[in-house]
């Protein structure tokens, strides 16, 4: 059952400038997916993406440093941080992140399932996309580590905190790839729950 306190409730209110930026980012991403579907990932160029999105190539690079970033970047990181900060005081960090990840994924699947499948398929099939994913997750780790530091009283550069956050995000990465490798037939939320249960209880012999 969906919680009455969902990620959608936490979406920051955007001003006109931010809404225009978001609209541009979405247009670039949609153009990219359409071109990739038509001609393949390697054949799709930044120039073609810019033309299809009706922006300049420099605008594409301003929003997305690499082509891989267009595929991998979304608008959910600030939402995850906001939801995490809103979790009850004293809740175990792993359970807080469990709630955040599953709720954001549920929202993403409900609203943009086809895009998520396209993205995951590229992660599975294109080595450059998979490699870049590891780098882009570092930005997510910074946001979540900062929020967990405030919640736990630890310093943002606390080693154990960094290891914990990286481990959770690493598990999420592997779950996503596993989901794609198996043809998206599994319930992604259940896979995430299994992964976090493994982290909590350890690997049974």
N, C-alpha and C. Protein backbone atom coordinates (compact mmCIF):
# COMPACT_ATOMS: atom_id res chain seq x y z
N UNK A 1 0.85 -1.19 0.00
CA UNK A 1 0.00 0.00 0.00
C UNK A 1 0.89 1.24 0.00
N UNK A 2 0.54 2.18 -0.82
CA UNK A 2 1.32 3.40 -0.90
C UNK A 2 1.15 4.21 0.37
N UNK A 3 2.23 4.80 0.80
CA UNK A 3 2.18 5.65 1.98
C UNK A 3 1.47 6.95 1.65
N UNK A 4 0.73 7.55 2.61
CA UNK A 4 0.12 8.85 2.35
C UNK A 4 1.18 9.93 2.21
N UNK A 5 2.41 9.64 2.59
CA UNK A 5 3.50 10.61 2.51
C UNK A 5 4.43 10.14 1.40
N UNK A 6 4.12 10.46 0.15
CA UNK A 6 4.84 9.93 -0.99
C UNK A 6 5.86 10.90 -1.51
N UNK A 7 6.81 10.42 -2.36
CA UNK A 7 7.78 11.33 -2.95
C UNK A 7 7.15 12.47 -3.70
N UNK A 8 6.01 12.24 -4.31
CA UNK A 8 5.37 13.33 -5.04
C UNK A 8 5.05 14.50 -4.12
N UNK A 9 4.73 14.19 -2.84
CA UNK A 9 4.43 15.25 -1.89
C UNK A 9 5.66 16.08 -1.56
N UNK A 10 6.86 15.49 -1.79
CA UNK A 10 8.09 16.15 -1.41
C UNK A 10 8.73 16.91 -2.57
N UNK A 11 8.15 16.86 -3.78
CA UNK A 11 8.75 17.53 -4.91
C UNK A 11 8.85 19.02 -4.64
N UNK A 12 10.07 19.58 -4.72
CA UNK A 12 10.22 21.01 -4.45
C UNK A 12 9.42 21.86 -5.42
N UNK A 13 8.88 22.96 -4.94
CA UNK A 13 8.17 23.89 -5.79
C UNK A 13 9.18 24.67 -6.61
N UNK A 14 9.05 24.61 -7.93
CA UNK A 14 10.02 25.22 -8.82
C UNK A 14 9.55 26.57 -9.31
N UNK A 15 10.50 27.50 -9.41
CA UNK A 15 10.21 28.78 -10.01
C UNK A 15 10.20 28.67 -11.52
N UNK A 16 9.91 29.77 -12.20
CA UNK A 16 9.80 29.77 -13.66
C UNK A 16 11.11 29.33 -14.31
N UNK A 17 12.22 29.84 -13.83
CA UNK A 17 13.52 29.50 -14.40
C UNK A 17 13.81 28.00 -14.25
N UNK A 18 13.51 27.46 -13.06
CA UNK A 18 13.76 26.04 -12.83
C UNK A 18 12.83 25.17 -13.67
N UNK A 19 11.58 25.61 -13.85
CA UNK A 19 10.65 24.85 -14.69
C UNK A 19 11.11 24.82 -16.14
N UNK A 20 11.65 25.93 -16.61
CA UNK A 20 12.17 25.96 -17.98
C UNK A 20 13.36 25.02 -18.14
N UNK A 21 14.23 25.00 -17.14
CA UNK A 21 15.37 24.09 -17.18
C UNK A 21 14.90 22.64 -17.19
N UNK A 22 13.93 22.34 -16.36
CA UNK A 22 13.41 20.98 -16.29
C UNK A 22 12.78 20.58 -17.63
N UNK A 23 12.03 21.48 -18.23
CA UNK A 23 11.40 21.21 -19.52
C UNK A 23 12.45 20.91 -20.58
N UNK A 24 13.54 21.67 -20.56
CA UNK A 24 14.62 21.45 -21.52
C UNK A 24 15.28 20.11 -21.31
N UNK A 25 15.55 19.77 -20.05
CA UNK A 25 16.18 18.48 -19.74
C UNK A 25 15.30 17.32 -20.21
N UNK A 26 14.01 17.41 -19.97
CA UNK A 26 13.10 16.35 -20.38
C UNK A 26 13.04 16.25 -21.90
N UNK A 27 13.03 17.39 -22.59
CA UNK A 27 12.99 17.38 -24.05
C UNK A 27 14.24 16.72 -24.62
N UNK A 28 15.38 17.02 -24.04
CA UNK A 28 16.64 16.42 -24.50
C UNK A 28 16.61 14.91 -24.27
N UNK A 29 16.15 14.50 -23.10
CA UNK A 29 16.13 13.07 -22.79
C UNK A 29 15.16 12.32 -23.71
N UNK A 30 14.00 12.88 -23.94
CA UNK A 30 13.03 12.21 -24.82
C UNK A 30 13.54 12.12 -26.24
N UNK A 31 14.19 13.18 -26.72
CA UNK A 31 14.76 13.14 -28.06
C UNK A 31 15.84 12.08 -28.16
N UNK A 32 16.63 11.95 -27.11
CA UNK A 32 17.70 10.95 -27.10
C UNK A 32 17.13 9.54 -27.18
N UNK A 33 16.14 9.25 -26.39
CA UNK A 33 15.55 7.91 -26.40
C UNK A 33 14.91 7.61 -27.75
N UNK A 34 14.26 8.60 -28.34
CA UNK A 34 13.63 8.38 -29.64
C UNK A 34 14.67 8.08 -30.71
N UNK A 35 15.77 8.81 -30.70
CA UNK A 35 16.83 8.57 -31.69
C UNK A 35 17.50 7.22 -31.47
N UNK A 36 17.74 6.87 -30.21
CA UNK A 36 18.37 5.58 -29.92
C UNK A 36 17.47 4.43 -30.37
N UNK A 37 16.17 4.57 -30.15
CA UNK A 37 15.24 3.53 -30.58
C UNK A 37 15.24 3.38 -32.09
N UNK A 38 15.46 4.49 -32.80
CA UNK A 38 15.42 4.48 -34.26
C UNK A 38 16.72 3.99 -34.88
N UNK A 39 17.86 4.40 -34.33
CA UNK A 39 19.13 4.13 -35.03
C UNK A 39 20.22 3.52 -34.15
N UNK A 40 19.93 3.31 -32.86
CA UNK A 40 20.93 2.71 -31.99
C UNK A 40 21.70 3.74 -31.19
N UNK A 41 22.31 3.27 -30.12
CA UNK A 41 23.00 4.19 -29.21
C UNK A 41 24.25 4.79 -29.84
N UNK A 42 25.10 3.96 -30.41
CA UNK A 42 26.37 4.44 -30.94
C UNK A 42 26.18 5.41 -32.11
N UNK A 43 25.14 5.20 -32.89
CA UNK A 43 24.93 6.06 -34.06
C UNK A 43 24.31 7.40 -33.70
N UNK A 44 23.82 7.53 -32.50
CA UNK A 44 23.16 8.77 -32.08
C UNK A 44 24.20 9.78 -31.59
N UNK A 45 24.19 10.95 -32.19
CA UNK A 45 25.17 11.98 -31.84
C UNK A 45 24.52 13.12 -31.06
N UNK A 46 25.36 13.88 -30.38
CA UNK A 46 24.87 15.04 -29.65
C UNK A 46 24.23 16.04 -30.60
N UNK A 47 24.80 16.19 -31.78
CA UNK A 47 24.24 17.12 -32.77
C UNK A 47 22.83 16.70 -33.18
N UNK A 48 22.63 15.42 -33.38
CA UNK A 48 21.30 14.93 -33.72
C UNK A 48 20.32 15.14 -32.57
N UNK A 49 20.79 14.88 -31.37
CA UNK A 49 19.94 15.08 -30.19
C UNK A 49 19.52 16.54 -30.07
N UNK A 50 20.49 17.44 -30.25
CA UNK A 50 20.19 18.87 -30.15
C UNK A 50 19.15 19.28 -31.18
N UNK A 51 19.31 18.80 -32.40
CA UNK A 51 18.36 19.15 -33.45
C UNK A 51 16.97 18.62 -33.14
N UNK A 52 16.89 17.39 -32.69
CA UNK A 52 15.59 16.80 -32.38
C UNK A 52 14.91 17.49 -31.20
N UNK A 53 15.73 17.95 -30.23
CA UNK A 53 15.18 18.62 -29.05
C UNK A 53 14.99 20.12 -29.27
N UNK A 54 15.41 20.59 -30.45
CA UNK A 54 15.29 22.01 -30.82
C UNK A 54 16.07 22.91 -29.87
N UNK A 55 17.29 22.48 -29.57
CA UNK A 55 18.21 23.29 -28.78
C UNK A 55 19.58 23.21 -29.46
N UNK A 56 20.54 23.98 -28.97
CA UNK A 56 21.89 23.94 -29.53
C UNK A 56 22.68 22.80 -28.89
N UNK A 57 23.75 22.41 -29.56
CA UNK A 57 24.62 21.37 -29.00
C UNK A 57 25.23 21.83 -27.68
N UNK A 58 25.56 23.13 -27.60
CA UNK A 58 26.13 23.65 -26.36
C UNK A 58 25.14 23.57 -25.21
N UNK A 59 23.86 23.71 -25.53
CA UNK A 59 22.83 23.58 -24.49
C UNK A 59 22.78 22.14 -23.97
N UNK A 60 22.87 21.19 -24.88
CA UNK A 60 22.88 19.78 -24.47
C UNK A 60 24.04 19.53 -23.52
N UNK A 61 25.23 20.01 -23.90
CA UNK A 61 26.42 19.79 -23.06
C UNK A 61 26.32 20.54 -21.74
N UNK A 62 25.62 21.66 -21.74
CA UNK A 62 25.47 22.41 -20.49
C UNK A 62 24.64 21.63 -19.48
N UNK A 63 23.66 20.91 -19.96
CA UNK A 63 22.81 20.13 -19.07
C UNK A 63 23.38 18.74 -18.79
N UNK A 64 24.05 18.17 -19.79
CA UNK A 64 24.55 16.80 -19.68
C UNK A 64 25.97 16.74 -20.24
N UNK A 65 26.98 16.58 -19.38
CA UNK A 65 28.37 16.57 -19.84
C UNK A 65 28.69 15.48 -20.86
N UNK A 66 27.99 14.33 -20.78
CA UNK A 66 28.24 13.23 -21.72
C UNK A 66 26.90 12.67 -22.20
N UNK A 67 26.97 11.93 -23.29
CA UNK A 67 25.75 11.29 -23.80
C UNK A 67 25.19 10.30 -22.78
N UNK A 68 26.09 9.63 -22.09
CA UNK A 68 25.65 8.68 -21.06
C UNK A 68 24.84 9.36 -19.97
N UNK A 69 25.21 10.60 -19.64
CA UNK A 69 24.49 11.33 -18.60
C UNK A 69 23.04 11.61 -19.00
N UNK A 70 22.79 11.79 -20.28
CA UNK A 70 21.41 12.02 -20.73
C UNK A 70 20.55 10.83 -20.35
N UNK A 71 21.10 9.65 -20.53
CA UNK A 71 20.36 8.43 -20.24
C UNK A 71 20.19 8.21 -18.74
N UNK A 72 21.23 8.53 -17.98
CA UNK A 72 21.27 8.13 -16.57
C UNK A 72 20.71 9.17 -15.61
N UNK A 73 20.72 10.42 -15.97
CA UNK A 73 20.33 11.48 -15.03
C UNK A 73 18.82 11.66 -15.00
N UNK A 74 18.29 11.81 -13.79
CA UNK A 74 16.86 12.11 -13.66
C UNK A 74 16.68 13.18 -12.60
N UNK A 75 15.42 13.46 -12.28
CA UNK A 75 15.13 14.55 -11.34
C UNK A 75 14.76 14.04 -9.95
N UNK A 76 15.11 12.80 -9.64
CA UNK A 76 14.63 12.21 -8.39
C UNK A 76 15.60 12.34 -7.22
N UNK A 77 16.84 12.70 -7.45
CA UNK A 77 17.79 12.79 -6.33
C UNK A 77 17.35 13.78 -5.26
N UNK A 78 16.95 15.02 -5.62
CA UNK A 78 16.49 15.95 -4.58
C UNK A 78 15.25 15.43 -3.84
N UNK A 79 14.41 14.69 -4.55
CA UNK A 79 13.22 14.11 -3.92
C UNK A 79 13.63 13.08 -2.88
N UNK A 80 14.61 12.24 -3.24
CA UNK A 80 15.08 11.23 -2.30
C UNK A 80 15.65 11.87 -1.04
N UNK A 81 16.42 12.92 -1.23
CA UNK A 81 16.99 13.61 -0.07
C UNK A 81 15.89 14.19 0.82
N UNK A 82 14.89 14.82 0.19
CA UNK A 82 13.81 15.44 0.96
C UNK A 82 13.01 14.40 1.74
N UNK A 83 12.71 13.26 1.09
CA UNK A 83 11.95 12.21 1.77
C UNK A 83 12.76 11.63 2.91
N UNK A 84 14.05 11.44 2.69
CA UNK A 84 14.92 10.90 3.74
C UNK A 84 14.94 11.81 4.96
N UNK A 85 15.02 13.10 4.72
CA UNK A 85 15.04 14.05 5.84
C UNK A 85 13.70 14.07 6.59
N UNK A 86 12.65 13.62 5.93
CA UNK A 86 11.34 13.63 6.57
C UNK A 86 10.98 12.36 7.31
N UNK A 87 11.88 11.37 7.31
CA UNK A 87 11.60 10.12 8.00
C UNK A 87 11.64 10.33 9.51
N UNK A 88 10.94 9.47 10.28
CA UNK A 88 10.87 9.64 11.75
C UNK A 88 12.24 9.60 12.41
N UNK A 89 12.42 10.44 13.39
CA UNK A 89 13.67 10.44 14.16
C UNK A 89 13.83 9.08 14.85
N UNK A 90 15.02 8.56 14.86
CA UNK A 90 15.27 7.29 15.52
C UNK A 90 15.06 6.08 14.64
N UNK A 91 14.53 6.25 13.45
CA UNK A 91 14.35 5.12 12.54
C UNK A 91 15.73 4.64 12.08
N UNK A 92 15.98 3.32 12.08
CA UNK A 92 17.28 2.82 11.63
C UNK A 92 17.59 3.31 10.20
N UNK A 93 18.83 3.72 9.95
CA UNK A 93 19.18 4.27 8.62
C UNK A 93 18.83 3.35 7.46
N UNK A 94 19.04 2.04 7.64
CA UNK A 94 18.72 1.13 6.54
C UNK A 94 17.23 1.13 6.24
N UNK A 95 16.40 1.21 7.27
CA UNK A 95 14.96 1.23 7.04
C UNK A 95 14.52 2.56 6.43
N UNK A 96 15.19 3.63 6.80
CA UNK A 96 14.88 4.93 6.19
C UNK A 96 15.18 4.88 4.70
N UNK A 97 16.36 4.35 4.35
CA UNK A 97 16.71 4.26 2.94
C UNK A 97 15.83 3.25 2.20
N UNK A 98 15.42 2.20 2.88
CA UNK A 98 14.49 1.25 2.27
C UNK A 98 13.21 1.97 1.85
N UNK A 99 12.67 2.79 2.76
CA UNK A 99 11.45 3.52 2.44
C UNK A 99 11.68 4.47 1.28
N UNK A 100 12.76 5.23 1.35
CA UNK A 100 13.04 6.23 0.31
C UNK A 100 13.19 5.57 -1.06
N UNK A 101 14.00 4.54 -1.14
CA UNK A 101 14.28 3.91 -2.42
C UNK A 101 13.04 3.26 -3.00
N UNK A 102 12.31 2.51 -2.19
CA UNK A 102 11.14 1.81 -2.72
C UNK A 102 10.03 2.78 -3.11
N UNK A 103 9.85 3.85 -2.34
CA UNK A 103 8.80 4.81 -2.69
C UNK A 103 9.14 5.59 -3.95
N UNK A 104 10.40 5.99 -4.10
CA UNK A 104 10.80 6.71 -5.30
C UNK A 104 10.73 5.79 -6.52
N UNK A 105 11.18 4.56 -6.37
CA UNK A 105 11.08 3.62 -7.47
C UNK A 105 9.62 3.36 -7.86
N UNK A 106 8.77 3.23 -6.86
CA UNK A 106 7.36 3.00 -7.15
C UNK A 106 6.76 4.18 -7.94
N UNK A 107 7.12 5.38 -7.54
CA UNK A 107 6.66 6.57 -8.26
C UNK A 107 7.19 6.58 -9.69
N UNK A 108 8.49 6.28 -9.84
CA UNK A 108 9.12 6.27 -11.16
C UNK A 108 8.46 5.23 -12.06
N UNK A 109 8.23 4.03 -11.52
CA UNK A 109 7.62 2.97 -12.31
C UNK A 109 6.20 3.33 -12.71
N UNK A 110 5.46 3.97 -11.82
CA UNK A 110 4.09 4.36 -12.12
C UNK A 110 4.04 5.42 -13.21
N UNK A 111 4.97 6.35 -13.16
CA UNK A 111 4.93 7.50 -14.08
C UNK A 111 5.73 7.29 -15.35
N UNK A 112 6.86 6.58 -15.26
CA UNK A 112 7.80 6.52 -16.38
C UNK A 112 8.38 5.13 -16.54
N UNK A 113 7.55 4.12 -16.47
CA UNK A 113 8.05 2.75 -16.54
C UNK A 113 8.79 2.48 -17.85
N UNK A 114 8.22 2.94 -18.98
CA UNK A 114 8.85 2.68 -20.27
C UNK A 114 10.24 3.31 -20.33
N UNK A 115 10.37 4.52 -19.79
CA UNK A 115 11.68 5.16 -19.80
C UNK A 115 12.67 4.41 -18.92
N UNK A 116 12.20 3.93 -17.79
CA UNK A 116 13.09 3.18 -16.90
C UNK A 116 13.56 1.89 -17.55
N UNK A 117 12.68 1.24 -18.28
CA UNK A 117 13.07 0.02 -18.99
C UNK A 117 14.09 0.34 -20.07
N UNK A 118 13.86 1.42 -20.83
CA UNK A 118 14.82 1.80 -21.86
C UNK A 118 16.19 2.11 -21.25
N UNK A 119 16.17 2.84 -20.17
CA UNK A 119 17.42 3.19 -19.49
C UNK A 119 18.15 1.93 -19.00
N UNK A 120 17.42 1.03 -18.37
CA UNK A 120 18.04 -0.17 -17.83
C UNK A 120 18.57 -1.06 -18.95
N UNK A 121 17.86 -1.13 -20.05
CA UNK A 121 18.33 -1.94 -21.17
C UNK A 121 19.66 -1.40 -21.71
N UNK A 122 19.79 -0.08 -21.74
CA UNK A 122 21.06 0.51 -22.18
C UNK A 122 22.16 0.23 -21.16
N UNK A 123 21.82 0.24 -19.88
CA UNK A 123 22.81 -0.08 -18.85
C UNK A 123 23.33 -1.50 -19.03
N UNK A 124 22.45 -2.41 -19.40
CA UNK A 124 22.83 -3.80 -19.58
C UNK A 124 23.64 -3.99 -20.86
N UNK A 125 23.23 -3.30 -21.94
CA UNK A 125 23.79 -3.56 -23.27
C UNK A 125 25.01 -2.71 -23.61
N UNK A 126 25.12 -1.51 -23.04
CA UNK A 126 26.16 -0.57 -23.45
C UNK A 126 27.18 -0.40 -22.31
N UNK A 127 28.40 -0.91 -22.48
CA UNK A 127 29.39 -0.81 -21.40
C UNK A 127 29.65 0.62 -20.94
N UNK A 128 29.65 1.59 -21.85
CA UNK A 128 29.92 2.97 -21.47
C UNK A 128 28.85 3.52 -20.55
N UNK A 129 27.61 3.12 -20.77
CA UNK A 129 26.51 3.58 -19.91
C UNK A 129 26.65 2.96 -18.53
N UNK A 130 26.96 1.67 -18.50
CA UNK A 130 27.11 1.00 -17.21
C UNK A 130 28.27 1.60 -16.41
N UNK A 131 29.37 1.89 -17.09
CA UNK A 131 30.52 2.47 -16.41
C UNK A 131 30.20 3.86 -15.87
N UNK A 132 29.50 4.64 -16.66
CA UNK A 132 29.16 6.00 -16.24
C UNK A 132 28.18 5.98 -15.08
N UNK A 133 27.35 4.96 -15.00
CA UNK A 133 26.39 4.88 -13.91
C UNK A 133 27.09 4.90 -12.56
N UNK A 134 28.20 4.21 -12.47
CA UNK A 134 28.94 4.18 -11.22
C UNK A 134 29.39 5.57 -10.82
N UNK A 135 29.79 6.38 -11.80
CA UNK A 135 30.23 7.74 -11.52
C UNK A 135 29.07 8.64 -11.13
N UNK A 136 27.96 8.53 -11.84
CA UNK A 136 26.83 9.41 -11.55
C UNK A 136 26.20 9.10 -10.20
N UNK A 137 26.33 7.86 -9.74
CA UNK A 137 25.76 7.51 -8.44
C UNK A 137 26.50 8.20 -7.30
N UNK A 138 27.70 8.69 -7.57
CA UNK A 138 28.44 9.39 -6.52
C UNK A 138 27.72 10.67 -6.12
N UNK A 139 27.05 11.32 -7.08
CA UNK A 139 26.29 12.53 -6.75
C UNK A 139 25.11 12.19 -5.84
N UNK A 140 24.45 11.08 -6.12
CA UNK A 140 23.36 10.62 -5.27
C UNK A 140 23.90 10.28 -3.88
N UNK A 141 25.05 9.65 -3.83
CA UNK A 141 25.64 9.28 -2.54
C UNK A 141 25.93 10.50 -1.69
N UNK A 142 26.38 11.57 -2.31
CA UNK A 142 26.68 12.80 -1.56
C UNK A 142 25.42 13.35 -0.91
N UNK A 143 24.33 13.40 -1.67
CA UNK A 143 23.07 13.92 -1.13
C UNK A 143 22.56 13.07 0.03
N UNK A 144 22.57 11.76 -0.17
CA UNK A 144 22.03 10.87 0.87
C UNK A 144 22.95 10.83 2.09
N UNK A 145 24.25 10.86 1.86
CA UNK A 145 25.19 10.87 2.99
C UNK A 145 25.02 12.14 3.82
N UNK A 146 24.82 13.25 3.16
CA UNK A 146 24.62 14.51 3.87
C UNK A 146 23.36 14.45 4.73
N UNK A 147 22.29 13.91 4.16
CA UNK A 147 21.05 13.80 4.93
C UNK A 147 21.21 12.84 6.10
N UNK A 148 21.88 11.71 5.88
CA UNK A 148 22.08 10.74 6.96
C UNK A 148 23.00 11.31 8.03
N UNK A 149 23.98 12.11 7.64
CA UNK A 149 24.86 12.74 8.62
C UNK A 149 24.06 13.63 9.57
N UNK A 150 23.15 14.41 9.00
CA UNK A 150 22.32 15.29 9.84
C UNK A 150 21.42 14.48 10.76
N UNK A 151 20.92 13.35 10.26
CA UNK A 151 20.00 12.53 11.05
C UNK A 151 20.70 11.76 12.16
N UNK A 152 21.96 11.38 11.92
CA UNK A 152 22.66 10.53 12.87
C UNK A 152 23.65 11.29 13.74
N UNK A 153 23.92 12.54 13.41
CA UNK A 153 24.89 13.31 14.17
C UNK A 153 26.33 13.01 13.78
N UNK A 154 26.50 12.25 12.71
CA UNK A 154 27.85 11.96 12.23
C UNK A 154 28.32 13.05 11.28
N UNK A 155 29.60 13.12 11.06
CA UNK A 155 30.15 14.07 10.09
C UNK A 155 29.88 13.55 8.68
N UNK A 156 29.68 14.46 7.71
CA UNK A 156 29.41 14.02 6.33
C UNK A 156 30.53 13.17 5.74
N UNK A 157 31.77 13.35 6.25
CA UNK A 157 32.88 12.55 5.72
C UNK A 157 33.20 11.34 6.59
N UNK A 158 32.30 11.00 7.49
CA UNK A 158 32.48 9.83 8.35
C UNK A 158 32.63 8.58 7.49
N UNK A 159 33.67 7.81 7.74
CA UNK A 159 33.98 6.66 6.89
C UNK A 159 32.86 5.63 6.90
N UNK A 160 32.38 5.26 8.09
CA UNK A 160 31.33 4.25 8.18
C UNK A 160 30.06 4.70 7.45
N UNK A 161 29.76 5.98 7.56
CA UNK A 161 28.57 6.51 6.90
C UNK A 161 28.73 6.44 5.38
N UNK A 162 29.91 6.79 4.89
CA UNK A 162 30.16 6.73 3.45
C UNK A 162 30.09 5.29 2.95
N UNK A 163 30.64 4.37 3.71
CA UNK A 163 30.61 2.97 3.32
C UNK A 163 29.18 2.45 3.29
N UNK A 164 28.42 2.80 4.30
CA UNK A 164 27.02 2.36 4.38
C UNK A 164 26.22 2.85 3.18
N UNK A 165 26.31 4.14 2.87
CA UNK A 165 25.55 4.71 1.76
C UNK A 165 26.00 4.10 0.43
N UNK A 166 27.31 3.96 0.25
CA UNK A 166 27.81 3.37 -0.99
C UNK A 166 27.35 1.93 -1.14
N UNK A 167 27.28 1.20 -0.04
CA UNK A 167 26.85 -0.19 -0.11
C UNK A 167 25.39 -0.29 -0.53
N UNK A 168 24.55 0.58 0.02
CA UNK A 168 23.13 0.56 -0.35
C UNK A 168 22.95 0.91 -1.83
N UNK A 169 23.65 1.95 -2.28
CA UNK A 169 23.52 2.34 -3.68
C UNK A 169 24.13 1.30 -4.61
N UNK A 170 25.21 0.65 -4.16
CA UNK A 170 25.77 -0.44 -4.95
C UNK A 170 24.79 -1.60 -5.09
N UNK A 171 24.09 -1.89 -4.03
CA UNK A 171 23.07 -2.94 -4.08
C UNK A 171 21.96 -2.55 -5.06
N UNK A 172 21.57 -1.28 -5.03
CA UNK A 172 20.53 -0.81 -5.94
C UNK A 172 20.99 -0.93 -7.40
N UNK A 173 22.25 -0.61 -7.64
CA UNK A 173 22.80 -0.74 -8.99
C UNK A 173 22.72 -2.20 -9.46
N UNK A 174 23.15 -3.13 -8.63
CA UNK A 174 23.15 -4.53 -9.02
C UNK A 174 21.74 -5.07 -9.21
N UNK A 175 20.82 -4.63 -8.37
CA UNK A 175 19.43 -5.04 -8.52
C UNK A 175 18.88 -4.58 -9.86
N UNK A 176 19.18 -3.33 -10.23
CA UNK A 176 18.67 -2.78 -11.48
C UNK A 176 19.22 -3.56 -12.68
N UNK A 177 20.50 -3.86 -12.66
CA UNK A 177 21.11 -4.62 -13.76
C UNK A 177 20.53 -6.04 -13.80
N UNK A 178 20.37 -6.66 -12.64
CA UNK A 178 19.78 -8.00 -12.56
C UNK A 178 18.37 -7.99 -13.16
N UNK A 179 17.62 -6.98 -12.83
CA UNK A 179 16.25 -6.83 -13.35
C UNK A 179 16.27 -6.76 -14.87
N UNK A 180 17.19 -5.98 -15.42
CA UNK A 180 17.28 -5.87 -16.87
C UNK A 180 17.76 -7.14 -17.53
N UNK A 181 18.74 -7.80 -16.93
CA UNK A 181 19.28 -9.03 -17.50
C UNK A 181 18.21 -10.13 -17.57
N UNK A 182 17.24 -10.09 -16.69
CA UNK A 182 16.19 -11.10 -16.66
C UNK A 182 14.94 -10.65 -17.41
N UNK A 183 15.10 -9.63 -18.26
CA UNK A 183 14.01 -9.22 -19.14
C UNK A 183 12.89 -8.47 -18.47
N UNK A 184 13.17 -7.86 -17.32
CA UNK A 184 12.20 -7.01 -16.61
C UNK A 184 10.96 -7.79 -16.15
N UNK A 185 11.09 -9.09 -16.05
CA UNK A 185 9.90 -9.89 -15.67
C UNK A 185 9.68 -9.94 -14.17
N UNK A 186 10.70 -9.60 -13.38
CA UNK A 186 10.57 -9.62 -11.93
C UNK A 186 9.95 -8.33 -11.42
N UNK A 187 9.45 -8.38 -10.20
CA UNK A 187 8.97 -7.18 -9.53
C UNK A 187 10.18 -6.43 -8.97
N UNK A 188 10.46 -5.24 -9.50
CA UNK A 188 11.67 -4.52 -9.11
C UNK A 188 11.66 -4.16 -7.63
N UNK A 189 10.51 -3.78 -7.11
CA UNK A 189 10.43 -3.42 -5.69
C UNK A 189 10.76 -4.62 -4.82
N UNK A 190 10.27 -5.79 -5.19
CA UNK A 190 10.58 -6.99 -4.42
C UNK A 190 12.07 -7.32 -4.47
N UNK A 191 12.69 -7.09 -5.61
CA UNK A 191 14.14 -7.32 -5.73
C UNK A 191 14.91 -6.38 -4.80
N UNK A 192 14.48 -5.14 -4.74
CA UNK A 192 15.13 -4.18 -3.84
C UNK A 192 14.97 -4.62 -2.39
N UNK A 193 13.77 -5.05 -2.05
CA UNK A 193 13.54 -5.53 -0.68
C UNK A 193 14.45 -6.71 -0.36
N UNK A 194 14.60 -7.63 -1.30
CA UNK A 194 15.49 -8.78 -1.09
C UNK A 194 16.93 -8.33 -0.87
N UNK A 195 17.36 -7.38 -1.67
CA UNK A 195 18.73 -6.89 -1.56
C UNK A 195 18.98 -6.26 -0.20
N UNK A 196 18.05 -5.44 0.25
CA UNK A 196 18.23 -4.77 1.53
C UNK A 196 18.10 -5.75 2.69
N UNK A 197 17.27 -6.77 2.53
CA UNK A 197 17.19 -7.82 3.55
C UNK A 197 18.53 -8.55 3.65
N UNK A 198 19.18 -8.77 2.51
CA UNK A 198 20.49 -9.42 2.51
C UNK A 198 21.51 -8.56 3.25
N UNK A 199 21.47 -7.25 3.00
CA UNK A 199 22.38 -6.35 3.71
C UNK A 199 22.13 -6.37 5.21
N UNK A 200 20.86 -6.45 5.57
CA UNK A 200 20.51 -6.43 6.99
C UNK A 200 20.89 -7.72 7.70
N UNK A 201 20.64 -8.86 7.06
CA UNK A 201 20.83 -10.13 7.72
C UNK A 201 22.12 -10.85 7.35
N UNK A 202 22.80 -10.37 6.32
CA UNK A 202 24.00 -11.05 5.89
C UNK A 202 23.68 -12.21 4.95
N UNK A 203 24.72 -12.80 4.39
CA UNK A 203 24.57 -13.89 3.43
C UNK A 203 24.63 -15.22 4.16
N UNK A 204 23.51 -15.92 4.15
CA UNK A 204 23.45 -17.19 4.88
C UNK A 204 24.28 -18.25 4.15
N UNK A 205 24.95 -19.09 4.91
CA UNK A 205 25.75 -20.19 4.34
C UNK A 205 24.92 -21.46 4.28
